[in-house]
Amino acid sequence: MRVIAGTARRLQLKTVEGMDTRPTTDRIKETLFNMLQNDVEDCHFLDLYSGSGAIGIEALSRGAKTAVFVENSKQAVKCIKDNLKFTKLEDRARVIENSVLSAIHMLNGTQKFDIVFMDPPYNKNIEKETLEKLAKSNIIDNESLLIVEASLDTDFSYVFDMGYDLIKEKLYKTNKHVFLKYIGD
């Protein structure tokens, strides 16, 4: 796994050993950032369920002003920190070792995020709980773009009742990216 573009282009990133994380493939990451190319520069990026940190690092490499990484696995947090140091991007990054729901609570009132990316464990309905918590927080607003990586069969029909607008879905062979905007109740 490598950084696709920007200041850390072509640098190989470490991944977390074992089956607890599924790194987003380079091909899917490139497709995602091609869709985000006009939004990443100078943005405040939140990477939830960060794993190795590859998505947030890609955002920083492409010019994000800041990135906050949230991960509760000690092994993954070490991997994120090692990758940030290796790519020389740690000065614009913050790593929070905590559960995502607790971290959202901790971040409440600190800043707004322009882009929120989340890649929770598949088929456990975790994205619903996370979107609920985000909707009740003040770290997103109607300008924030939320992207959820999920399995192809994950149902997102509930998002409208939570105050989200489904902007688009990008389907891949084994998963999808769902793009949301929070429009309020």
C-alpha atoms as a PDB file:
ATOM      1  CA  MET A   1       0.000   0.000   0.000  1.00  0.00           C
ATOM      2  CA  ARG A   2       1.378   3.373  -1.000  1.00  0.00           C
ATOM      3  CA  VAL A   3       0.583   7.072  -1.060  1.00  0.00           C
ATOM      4  CA  ILE A   4      -0.845   7.791  -4.520  1.00  0.00           C
ATOM      5  CA  ALA A   5      -0.191  11.532  -4.987  1.00  0.00           C
ATOM      6  CA  GLY A   6       1.069  14.708  -3.366  1.00  0.00           C
ATOM      7  CA  THR A   7       4.071  15.429  -1.175  1.00  0.00           C
ATOM      8  CA  ALA A   8       4.419  11.822   0.029  1.00  0.00           C
ATOM      9  CA  ARG A   9       3.753  10.297  -3.390  1.00  0.00           C
ATOM     10  CA  ARG A  10       4.966   6.723  -3.939  1.00  0.00           C
ATOM     11  CA  LEU A  11       5.974   6.167  -0.304  1.00  0.00           C
ATOM     12  CA  GLN A  12       5.084   2.687   0.935  1.00  0.00           C
ATOM     13  CA  LEU A  13       2.943   2.633   4.066  1.00  0.00           C
ATOM     14  CA  LYS A  14       2.949   0.019   6.804  1.00  0.00           C
ATOM     15  CA  THR A  15      -0.244  -1.941   7.328  1.00  0.00           C
ATOM     16  CA  VAL A  16      -1.666  -3.489  10.458  1.00  0.00           C
ATOM     17  CA  GLU A  17      -0.965  -7.214  10.672  1.00  0.00           C
ATOM     18  CA  GLY A  18      -3.836  -9.630  11.057  1.00  0.00           C
ATOM     19  CA  MET A  19      -7.436  -9.687   9.893  1.00  0.00           C
ATOM     20  CA  ASP A  20      -8.840  -6.897  12.106  1.00  0.00           C
ATOM     21  CA  THR A  21      -8.402  -4.214   9.437  1.00  0.00           C
ATOM     22  CA  ARG A  22      -9.028  -4.181   5.687  1.00  0.00           C
ATOM     23  CA  PRO A  23      -6.812  -1.579   4.055  1.00  0.00           C
ATOM     24  CA  THR A  24      -8.499   0.286   1.232  1.00  0.00           C
ATOM     25  CA  THR A  25      -6.762  -0.845  -1.956  1.00  0.00           C
ATOM     26  CA  ASP A  26      -4.627   1.632  -3.885  1.00  0.00           C
ATOM     27  CA  ARG A  27      -7.023   1.453  -6.815  1.00  0.00           C
ATOM     28  CA  ILE A  28     -10.097   2.312  -4.708  1.00  0.00           C
ATOM     29  CA  LYS A  29      -8.151   4.997  -2.834  1.00  0.00           C
ATOM     30  CA  GLU A  30      -7.103   6.575  -6.146  1.00  0.00           C
ATOM     31  CA  THR A  31     -10.709   6.540  -7.402  1.00  0.00           C
ATOM     32  CA  LEU A  32     -11.921   8.101  -4.140  1.00  0.00           C
ATOM     33  CA  PHE A  33      -9.372  10.907  -4.223  1.00  0.00           C
ATOM     34  CA  ASN A  34     -10.013  11.582  -7.898  1.00  0.00           C
ATOM     35  CA  MET A  35     -13.615  12.310  -6.840  1.00  0.00           C
ATOM     36  CA  LEU A  36     -12.396  14.486  -3.947  1.00  0.00           C
ATOM     37  CA  GLN A  37      -9.612  16.307  -5.779  1.00  0.00           C
ATOM     38  CA  ASN A  38     -11.278  19.735  -5.575  1.00  0.00           C
ATOM     39  CA  ASP A  39     -12.261  19.355  -1.909  1.00  0.00           C
ATOM     40  CA  VAL A  40      -9.098  18.138  -0.175  1.00  0.00           C
ATOM     41  CA  GLU A  41      -6.776  21.158  -0.485  1.00  0.00           C
ATOM     42  CA  ASP A  42      -6.786  23.156   2.789  1.00  0.00           C
ATOM     43  CA  CYS A  43      -9.570  21.029   4.304  1.00  0.00           C
ATOM     44  CA  HIS A  44      -9.854  19.708   7.843  1.00  0.00           C
ATOM     45  CA  PHE A  45     -10.072  15.921   7.446  1.00  0.00           C
ATOM     46  CA  LEU A  46     -11.418  13.425   9.985  1.00  0.00           C
ATOM     47  CA  ASP A  47     -10.465   9.768   9.479  1.00  0.00           C
ATOM     48  CA  LEU A  48     -12.647   7.501  11.648  1.00  0.00           C
ATOM     49  CA  TYR A  49     -11.783   3.821  12.113  1.00  0.00           C
ATOM     50  CA  SER A  50      -8.398   4.766  10.656  1.00  0.00           C
ATOM     51  CA  GLY A  51      -6.635   1.400  10.526  1.00  0.00           C
ATOM     52  CA  SER A  52      -3.180   2.163   9.085  1.00  0.00           C
ATOM     53  CA  GLY A  53      -4.095   5.814   8.478  1.00  0.00           C
ATOM     54  CA  ALA A  54      -3.719   5.507   4.702  1.00  0.00           C
ATOM     55  CA  ILE A  55      -6.806   7.588   3.823  1.00  0.00           C
ATOM     56  CA  GLY A  56      -5.993  10.486   6.135  1.00  0.00           C
ATOM     57  CA  ILE A  57      -2.336  10.381   5.070  1.00  0.00           C
ATOM     58  CA  GLU A  58      -3.404  10.537   1.430  1.00  0.00           C
ATOM     59  CA  ALA A  59      -5.489  13.619   2.286  1.00  0.00           C
ATOM     60  CA  LEU A  60      -2.542  15.285   4.039  1.00  0.00           C
ATOM     61  CA  SER A  61      -0.220  14.410   1.154  1.00  0.00           C
ATOM     62  CA  ARG A  62      -2.683  16.063  -1.234  1.00  0.00           C
ATOM     63  CA  GLY A  63      -2.827  19.293   0.760  1.00  0.00           C
ATOM     64  CA  ALA A  64      -5.317  18.877   3.601  1.00  0.00           C
ATOM     65  CA  LYS A  65      -4.602  21.486   6.252  1.00  0.00           C
ATOM     66  CA  THR A  66      -5.085  19.023   9.123  1.00  0.00           C
ATOM     67  CA  ALA A  67      -6.155  15.439   9.690  1.00  0.00           C
ATOM     68  CA  VAL A  68      -7.431  13.780  12.836  1.00  0.00           C
ATOM     69  CA  PHE A  69      -7.122   9.992  12.992  1.00  0.00           C
ATOM     70  CA  VAL A  70      -9.363   8.007  15.352  1.00  0.00           C
ATOM     71  CA  GLU A  71      -8.538   4.389  16.097  1.00  0.00           C
ATOM     72  CA  ASN A  72      -8.907   2.275  19.238  1.00  0.00           C
ATOM     73  CA  SER A  73      -6.438  -0.525  18.419  1.00  0.00           C
ATOM     74  CA  LYS A  74      -3.013   0.041  20.001  1.00  0.00           C
ATOM     75  CA  GLN A  75      -1.340  -1.823  17.132  1.00  0.00           C
ATOM     76  CA  ALA A  76      -3.135   0.330  14.530  1.00  0.00           C
ATOM     77  CA  VAL A  77      -2.338   3.568  16.397  1.00  0.00           C
ATOM     78  CA  LYS A  78       1.359   2.648  16.371  1.00  0.00           C
ATOM     79  CA  CYS A  79       1.088   1.932  12.637  1.00  0.00           C
ATOM     80  CA  ILE A  80      -0.575   5.328  11.993  1.00  0.00           C
ATOM     81  CA  LYS A  81       2.100   7.162  13.991  1.00  0.00           C
ATOM     82  CA  ASP A  82       4.895   5.283  12.192  1.00  0.00           C
ATOM     83  CA  ASN A  83       3.329   6.094   8.798  1.00  0.00           C
ATOM     84  CA  LEU A  84       2.910   9.780   9.703  1.00  0.00           C
ATOM     85  CA  LYS A  85       6.532   9.992  10.803  1.00  0.00           C
ATOM     86  CA  PHE A  86       7.757   8.160   7.692  1.00  0.00           C
ATOM     87  CA  THR A  87       5.779  10.475   5.377  1.00  0.00           C
ATOM     88  CA  LYS A  88       6.848  13.561   7.387  1.00  0.00           C
ATOM     89  CA  LEU A  89       3.200  14.603   7.803  1.00  0.00           C
ATOM     90  CA  GLU A  90       2.901  14.306  11.589  1.00  0.00           C
ATOM     91  CA  ASP A  91       3.030  18.084  12.161  1.00  0.00           C
ATOM     92  CA  ARG A  92      -0.472  18.483  10.629  1.00  0.00           C
ATOM     93  CA  ALA A  93      -1.934  15.347  12.213  1.00  0.00           C
ATOM     94  CA  ARG A  94      -3.507  14.350  15.493  1.00  0.00           C
ATOM     95  CA  VAL A  95      -4.017  10.719  16.461  1.00  0.00           C
ATOM     96  CA  ILE A  96      -6.712   9.861  19.000  1.00  0.00           C
ATOM     97  CA  GLU A  97      -6.516   6.404  20.541  1.00  0.00           C
ATOM     98  CA  ASN A  98     -10.108   5.878  21.613  1.00  0.00           C
ATOM     99  CA  SER A  99     -13.426   4.535  20.402  1.00  0.00           C
ATOM    100  CA  VAL A 100     -14.947   6.573  17.593  1.00  0.00           C
ATOM    101  CA  LEU A 101     -18.060   7.490  19.584  1.00  0.00           C
ATOM    102  CA  SER A 102     -15.959   8.731  22.522  1.00  0.00           C
ATOM    103  CA  ALA A 103     -13.657  10.641  20.168  1.00  0.00           C
ATOM    104  CA  ILE A 104     -16.597  12.411  18.509  1.00  0.00           C
ATOM    105  CA  HIS A 105     -17.734  13.459  21.976  1.00  0.00           C
ATOM    106  CA  MET A 106     -14.189  14.654  22.817  1.00  0.00           C
ATOM    107  CA  LEU A 107     -13.926  16.619  19.562  1.00  0.00           C
ATOM    108  CA  ASN A 108     -17.301  18.319  20.062  1.00  0.00           C
ATOM    109  CA  GLY A 109     -16.780  22.064  20.226  1.00  0.00           C
ATOM    110  CA  THR A 110     -13.168  21.964  18.998  1.00  0.00           C
ATOM    111  CA  GLN A 111     -13.536  22.401  15.235  1.00  0.00           C
ATOM    112  CA  LYS A 112     -15.636  21.632  12.175  1.00  0.00           C
ATOM    113  CA  PHE A 113     -14.455  19.057   9.677  1.00  0.00           C
ATOM    114  CA  ASP A 114     -14.800  19.586   5.937  1.00  0.00           C
ATOM    115  CA  ILE A 115     -14.459  15.884   5.109  1.00  0.00           C
ATOM    116  CA  VAL A 116     -15.237  12.946   7.369  1.00  0.00           C
ATOM    117  CA  PHE A 117     -14.190   9.510   6.146  1.00  0.00           C
ATOM    118  CA  MET A 118     -15.192   6.363   7.978  1.00  0.00           C
ATOM    119  CA  ASP A 119     -14.386   2.737   7.302  1.00  0.00           C
ATOM    120  CA  PRO A 120     -15.977   0.803  10.186  1.00  0.00           C
ATOM    121  CA  PRO A 121     -16.051  -2.993  10.412  1.00  0.00           C
ATOM    122  CA  TYR A 122     -18.474  -4.275   7.785  1.00  0.00           C
ATOM    123  CA  ASN A 123     -21.945  -5.691   8.443  1.00  0.00           C
ATOM    124  CA  LYS A 124     -22.141  -4.662  12.106  1.00  0.00           C
ATOM    125  CA  ASN A 125     -24.349  -1.586  11.614  1.00  0.00           C
ATOM    126  CA  ILE A 126     -21.649   0.568  13.220  1.00  0.00           C
ATOM    127  CA  GLU A 127     -21.960   3.266  10.561  1.00  0.00           C
ATOM    128  CA  LYS A 128     -25.537   3.991  11.651  1.00  0.00           C
ATOM    129  CA  GLU A 129     -24.519   4.623  15.263  1.00  0.00           C
ATOM    130  CA  THR A 130     -21.578   6.746  14.112  1.00  0.00           C
ATOM    131  CA  LEU A 131     -23.722   8.846  11.750  1.00  0.00           C
ATOM    132  CA  GLU A 132     -26.216   9.357  14.582  1.00  0.00           C
ATOM    133  CA  LYS A 133     -23.457  10.600  16.903  1.00  0.00           C
ATOM    134  CA  LEU A 134     -22.051  12.898  14.200  1.00  0.00           C
ATOM    135  CA  ALA A 135     -25.514  14.379  13.522  1.00  0.00           C
ATOM    136  CA  LYS A 136     -25.851  15.263  17.209  1.00  0.00           C
ATOM    137  CA  SER A 137     -22.357  16.795  17.361  1.00  0.00           C
ATOM    138  CA  ASN A 138     -21.166  20.184  16.204  1.00  0.00           C
ATOM    139  CA  ILE A 139     -18.071  18.912  14.380  1.00  0.00           C
ATOM    140  CA  ILE A 140     -19.964  18.725  11.072  1.00  0.00           C
ATOM    141  CA  ASP A 141     -22.310  21.139   9.362  1.00  0.00           C
ATOM    142  CA  ASN A 142     -24.170  21.343   6.055  1.00  0.00           C
ATOM    143  CA  GLU A 143     -20.892  22.030   4.247  1.00  0.00           C
ATOM    144  CA  SER A 144     -19.214  18.862   5.536  1.00  0.00           C
ATOM    145  CA  LEU A 145     -18.880  15.877   3.224  1.00  0.00           C
ATOM    146  CA  LEU A 146     -19.156  12.463   4.869  1.00  0.00           C
ATOM    147  CA  ILE A 147     -17.928   9.340   3.118  1.00  0.00           C
ATOM    148  CA  VAL A 148     -18.700   5.871   4.424  1.00  0.00           C
ATOM    149  CA  GLU A 149     -16.904   2.796   3.122  1.00  0.00           C
ATOM    150  CA  ALA A 150     -19.197  -0.213   3.515  1.00  0.00           C
ATOM    151  CA  SER A 151     -20.017  -3.615   2.110  1.00  0.00           C
ATOM    152  CA  LEU A 152     -22.169  -3.644  -1.021  1.00  0.00           C
ATOM    153  CA  ASP A 153     -25.216  -4.926   0.846  1.00  0.00           C
ATOM    154  CA  THR A 154     -25.165  -2.274   3.596  1.00  0.00           C
ATOM    155  CA  ASP A 155     -28.498  -0.432   3.677  1.00  0.00           C
ATOM    156  CA  PHE A 156     -28.391   3.339   4.051  1.00  0.00           C
ATOM    157  CA  SER A 157     -32.122   4.059   3.634  1.00  0.00           C
ATOM    158  CA  TYR A 158     -32.244   5.364   7.217  1.00  0.00           C
ATOM    159  CA  VAL A 159     -29.934   8.344   6.564  1.00  0.00           C
ATOM    160  CA  PHE A 160     -32.748  10.612   5.385  1.00  0.00           C
ATOM    161  CA  ASP A 161     -34.505  10.263   8.755  1.00  0.00           C
ATOM    162  CA  MET A 162     -31.272  11.345  10.458  1.00  0.00           C
ATOM    163  CA  GLY A 163     -31.046  14.563   8.448  1.00  0.00           C
ATOM    164  CA  TYR A 164     -28.565  13.401   5.814  1.00  0.00           C
ATOM    165  CA  ASP A 165     -28.814  13.725   2.060  1.00  0.00           C
ATOM    166  CA  LEU A 166     -27.302  10.879   0.037  1.00  0.00           C
ATOM    167  CA  ILE A 167     -25.212  12.636  -2.619  1.00  0.00           C
ATOM    168  CA  LYS A 168     -23.937   9.552  -4.449  1.00  0.00           C
ATOM    169  CA  GLU A 169     -22.825   5.971  -4.162  1.00  0.00           C
ATOM    170  CA  LYS A 170     -19.740   4.613  -5.867  1.00  0.00           C
ATOM    171  CA  LEU A 171     -19.855   0.833  -6.210  1.00  0.00           C
ATOM    172  CA  TYR A 172     -16.778  -1.365  -6.501  1.00  0.00           C
ATOM    173  CA  LYS A 173     -16.507  -5.157  -6.818  1.00  0.00           C
ATOM    174  CA  THR A 174     -16.670  -5.902  -3.083  1.00  0.00           C
ATOM    175  CA  ASN A 175     -17.616  -2.638  -1.361  1.00  0.00           C
ATOM    176  CA  LYS A 176     -18.894   0.894  -1.896  1.00  0.00           C
ATOM    177  CA  HIS A 177     -18.415   4.513  -0.910  1.00  0.00           C
ATOM    178  CA  VAL A 178     -21.507   6.406   0.181  1.00  0.00           C
ATOM    179  CA  PHE A 179     -21.284  10.221   0.033  1.00  0.00           C
ATOM    180  CA  LEU A 180     -23.497  12.151   2.440  1.00  0.00           C
ATOM    181  CA  LYS A 181     -24.211  15.752   3.427  1.00  0.00           C
ATOM    182  CA  TYR A 182     -25.841  16.668   6.713  1.00  0.00           C
ATOM    183  CA  ILE A 183     -28.797  18.942   6.042  1.00  0.00           C
ATOM    184  CA  GLY A 184     -30.353  18.857   9.526  1.00  0.00           C
ATOM    185  CA  ASP A 185     -33.620  17.652  10.957  1.00  0.00           C
END
